Amino acid sequence: MESEQKEGPMIELNEDNLFLLEEILETAARKSGESISKMVGTSVQTDILNMYTNPINLVEKEIEKEILGVIIYSELKEGDGGISLFVMDESSAVKLSAELLGKNDGESEELGEDERSALREIGNILLGNFLAELGDYFNIPIMHTPPELEHDMIGVYLDNLLNYSENVENNAMISEVILDAHGVGVKGRYILLPSNALTEDFVENLF
């Protein structure tokens, strides 16, 4: 649904706050990624990539618009709202779904309904664990909607999402955390786009 982005007050994020937020977000992603580690039997590494205060910068600076991939998308229902995503290129999505379905013989080269179902399930676990870790740290309940799966050009999808969503505001903090499952060839990104109000809640509960 098309809507204009809402203007909100600028959020003051000083260097110390940003550093601590990065540490918390990376830790939440690492703990969430452990669920993949157990399922595919390999180590998982996470690292904070970037943080932004302008949603458009994420797409313009970091995402190649025509890379085909899988976007697992969930809206935040509590904690004042926002959006959480787990994003993979198509190759990673195919490899991960093959591992989850036990198709390790290289025969699976496309994303059929079984593969999509497996990815939605792991996306629900990844996003749920990620948000639960954040909620525990900040003592804020962060419930989310059942994840939706889109098989699309990642940059185009995110560009449309940021331009037309009512849940992302101009000055919200945005974090991007990468996940790498060694030996499996699976890489993904957690992207958290909290509303201004949720970002303010994070900052107020940092210490």
Protein backbone atom coordinates (compact mmCIF):
# COMPACT_ATOMS: atom_id res chain seq x y z
CA MET A 1 0.00 0.00 0.00
CA GLU A 2 1.50 3.31 -1.06
CA SER A 3 2.05 5.91 1.62
CA GLU A 4 4.38 8.76 2.33
CA GLN A 5 7.14 8.29 4.85
CA LYS A 6 6.45 10.13 8.07
CA GLU A 7 8.82 12.74 9.38
CA GLY A 8 9.93 12.19 12.96
CA PRO A 9 12.31 13.85 15.38
CA MET A 10 15.98 13.16 14.79
CA ILE A 11 17.36 10.49 17.10
CA GLU A 12 20.63 11.33 18.80
CA LEU A 13 22.99 8.39 18.43
CA ASN A 14 26.42 9.25 19.72
CA GLU A 15 29.52 7.16 19.08
CA ASP A 16 29.26 5.24 22.35
CA ASN A 17 25.58 4.42 21.76
CA LEU A 18 26.28 3.22 18.23
CA PHE A 19 29.14 1.01 19.38
CA LEU A 20 27.03 -0.61 22.07
CA LEU A 21 24.06 -1.06 19.75
CA GLU A 22 26.31 -2.73 17.19
CA GLU A 23 27.58 -5.16 19.83
CA ILE A 24 24.04 -6.02 20.97
CA LEU A 25 22.74 -6.53 17.42
CA GLU A 26 25.69 -8.70 16.41
CA THR A 27 25.29 -10.82 19.56
CA ALA A 28 21.57 -11.28 18.86
CA ALA A 29 22.34 -12.35 15.30
CA ARG A 30 25.06 -14.76 16.45
CA LYS A 31 22.76 -16.46 18.95
CA SER A 32 20.02 -16.64 16.35
CA GLY A 33 22.45 -18.08 13.81
CA GLU A 34 23.23 -20.96 16.15
CA SER A 35 19.91 -22.49 15.06
CA ILE A 36 21.28 -22.82 11.52
CA SER A 37 24.57 -24.16 12.85
CA LYS A 38 22.79 -27.06 14.54
CA MET A 39 20.58 -27.81 11.53
CA VAL A 40 23.32 -27.89 8.89
CA GLY A 41 26.16 -29.10 11.10
CA THR A 42 28.62 -26.30 10.50
CA SER A 43 29.89 -23.21 12.26
CA VAL A 44 28.15 -19.90 11.68
CA GLN A 45 29.85 -16.52 11.82
CA THR A 46 28.08 -13.19 12.19
CA ASP A 47 29.36 -9.67 11.89
CA ILE A 48 27.80 -6.21 11.95
CA LEU A 49 28.10 -4.63 8.52
CA ASN A 50 26.53 -1.22 8.74
CA MET A 51 24.19 1.03 10.64
CA TYR A 52 22.21 3.82 9.04
CA THR A 53 19.88 6.61 10.05
CA ASN A 54 18.41 6.96 6.56
CA PRO A 55 16.63 3.92 5.07
CA ILE A 56 17.38 4.84 1.46
CA ASN A 57 21.15 4.69 2.08
CA LEU A 58 20.87 0.95 2.69
CA VAL A 59 19.64 0.30 -0.85
CA GLU A 60 21.64 2.94 -2.65
CA LYS A 61 25.00 2.11 -1.07
CA GLU A 62 24.87 -1.61 -0.28
CA ILE A 63 22.36 -3.54 -2.39
CA GLU A 64 22.77 -4.35 -6.08
CA LYS A 65 19.25 -3.82 -7.34
CA GLU A 66 19.04 -6.66 -9.85
CA ILE A 67 20.49 -9.51 -7.76
CA LEU A 68 17.84 -12.22 -7.56
CA GLY A 69 17.27 -13.57 -4.09
CA VAL A 70 14.93 -14.53 -1.29
CA ILE A 71 13.58 -12.01 1.19
CA ILE A 72 11.94 -13.30 4.36
CA TYR A 73 9.92 -10.41 5.73
CA SER A 74 8.12 -9.86 9.02
CA GLU A 75 6.44 -6.81 10.53
CA LEU A 76 6.99 -5.98 14.18
CA LYS A 77 3.67 -5.96 16.04
CA GLU A 78 4.90 -4.80 19.44
CA GLY A 79 7.59 -2.46 20.67
CA ASP A 80 6.23 0.40 18.58
CA GLY A 81 6.66 -1.25 15.22
CA GLY A 82 9.08 -1.66 12.38
CA ILE A 83 10.25 -4.35 9.97
CA SER A 84 12.70 -7.23 10.23
CA LEU A 85 14.10 -9.15 7.28
CA PHE A 86 16.45 -12.00 6.50
CA VAL A 87 17.84 -11.71 2.97
CA MET A 88 19.82 -14.20 0.85
CA ASP A 89 20.89 -14.31 -2.75
CA GLU A 90 19.27 -17.07 -4.78
CA SER A 91 22.31 -19.37 -4.64
CA SER A 92 22.42 -19.25 -0.84
CA ALA A 93 18.68 -19.86 -0.61
CA VAL A 94 18.92 -22.94 -2.85
CA LYS A 95 21.86 -24.34 -0.87
CA LEU A 96 20.21 -23.71 2.49
CA SER A 97 16.91 -25.28 1.46
CA ALA A 98 18.80 -28.31 0.09
CA GLU A 99 20.57 -28.75 3.43
CA LEU A 100 17.34 -28.41 5.36
CA LEU A 101 15.57 -30.96 3.15
CA GLY A 102 18.49 -33.39 3.07
CA LYS A 103 19.04 -32.90 -0.67
CA ASN A 104 22.81 -32.81 -0.53
CA ASP A 105 23.39 -34.53 -3.88
CA GLY A 106 23.24 -31.34 -5.90
CA GLU A 107 19.94 -32.24 -7.54
CA SER A 108 18.03 -29.32 -6.04
CA GLU A 109 18.63 -26.29 -8.24
CA GLU A 110 15.37 -24.41 -7.88
CA LEU A 111 12.99 -23.16 -5.23
CA GLY A 112 9.83 -25.25 -5.38
CA GLU A 113 7.09 -25.24 -2.76
CA ASP A 114 8.99 -27.62 -0.46
CA GLU A 115 12.05 -25.40 -0.59
CA ARG A 116 10.01 -22.25 0.04
CA SER A 117 8.26 -23.88 2.98
CA ALA A 118 11.61 -24.89 4.51
CA LEU A 119 12.97 -21.38 4.05
CA ARG A 120 9.89 -19.79 5.61
CA GLU A 121 10.30 -22.09 8.60
CA ILE A 122 13.97 -21.31 9.09
CA GLY A 123 13.22 -17.62 8.53
CA ASN A 124 10.63 -17.73 11.28
CA ILE A 125 13.19 -19.29 13.62
CA LEU A 126 15.98 -16.88 12.66
CA LEU A 127 13.89 -13.73 12.91
CA GLY A 128 12.08 -14.93 16.03
CA ASN A 129 15.33 -15.73 17.86
CA PHE A 130 16.96 -12.51 16.70
CA LEU A 131 14.08 -10.35 17.92
CA ALA A 132 13.72 -12.33 21.15
CA GLU A 133 17.37 -11.70 22.01
CA LEU A 134 16.92 -7.98 21.41
CA GLY A 135 13.71 -7.93 23.40
CA ASP A 136 15.39 -9.70 26.33
CA TYR A 137 18.25 -7.22 26.40
CA PHE A 138 16.07 -4.12 26.19
CA ASN A 139 13.22 -5.62 28.24
CA ILE A 140 10.80 -4.84 25.41
CA PRO A 141 8.37 -7.41 23.96
CA ILE A 142 9.02 -7.51 20.21
CA MET A 143 6.38 -9.72 18.61
CA HIS A 144 6.31 -10.19 14.87
CA THR A 145 3.93 -11.34 12.17
CA PRO A 146 4.39 -14.75 10.51
CA PRO A 147 7.11 -14.26 7.92
CA GLU A 148 6.33 -13.87 4.25
CA LEU A 149 8.73 -15.07 1.54
CA GLU A 150 9.46 -13.13 -1.62
CA HIS A 151 11.58 -14.47 -4.49
CA ASP A 152 12.54 -11.25 -6.24
CA MET A 153 15.32 -8.85 -7.12
CA ILE A 154 16.57 -7.87 -3.68
CA GLY A 155 17.40 -4.24 -4.32
CA VAL A 156 14.16 -3.52 -6.19
CA TYR A 157 12.09 -5.18 -3.45
CA LEU A 158 13.83 -3.26 -0.65
CA ASP A 159 13.59 -0.01 -2.57
CA ASN A 160 9.82 -0.45 -2.93
CA LEU A 161 9.50 -1.52 0.70
CA LEU A 162 11.31 1.54 1.99
CA ASN A 163 9.48 3.95 -0.30
CA TYR A 164 5.96 2.71 0.37
CA SER A 165 5.93 1.27 3.88
CA GLU A 166 4.16 3.02 6.73
CA ASN A 167 6.37 1.16 9.21
CA VAL A 168 9.73 2.71 8.33
CA GLU A 169 10.37 6.34 9.12
CA ASN A 170 12.99 8.65 7.71
CA ASN A 171 15.18 8.87 10.79
CA ALA A 172 14.94 5.33 12.14
CA MET A 173 18.07 3.40 13.02
CA ILE A 174 18.78 0.60 10.54
CA SER A 175 21.17 -2.25 11.21
CA GLU A 176 22.59 -4.78 8.79
CA VAL A 177 24.23 -7.97 10.10
CA ILE A 178 25.75 -10.67 7.93
CA LEU A 179 25.53 -14.42 8.63
CA ASP A 180 27.95 -16.90 7.03
CA ALA A 181 27.52 -20.68 7.36
CA HIS A 182 31.00 -22.08 6.70
CA GLY A 183 31.36 -25.02 4.33
CA VAL A 184 27.75 -24.76 3.12
CA GLY A 185 28.06 -21.64 0.98
CA VAL A 186 25.17 -19.88 2.69
CA LYS A 187 25.34 -16.18 3.40
CA GLY A 188 22.48 -13.99 4.55
CA ARG A 189 21.74 -10.61 6.05
CA TYR A 190 19.56 -9.68 8.95
CA ILE A 191 18.12 -6.23 8.34
CA LEU A 192 16.29 -4.50 11.17
CA LEU A 193 14.32 -1.36 10.37
CA PRO A 194 12.75 -0.18 13.62
CA SER A 195 10.43 2.79 13.84
CA ASN A 196 11.71 5.97 15.43
CA ALA A 197 9.81 5.13 18.61
CA LEU A 198 11.40 1.68 18.88
CA THR A 199 14.84 3.13 18.22
CA GLU A 200 14.25 5.60 21.05
CA ASP A 201 13.25 2.68 23.30
CA PHE A 202 16.52 0.94 22.41
CA VAL A 203 18.59 4.02 23.20
CA GLU A 204 16.80 4.66 26.49
CA ASN A 205 17.47 1.09 27.64
CA LEU A 206 21.10 0.86 26.56
CA PHE A 207 22.54 1.22 30.07
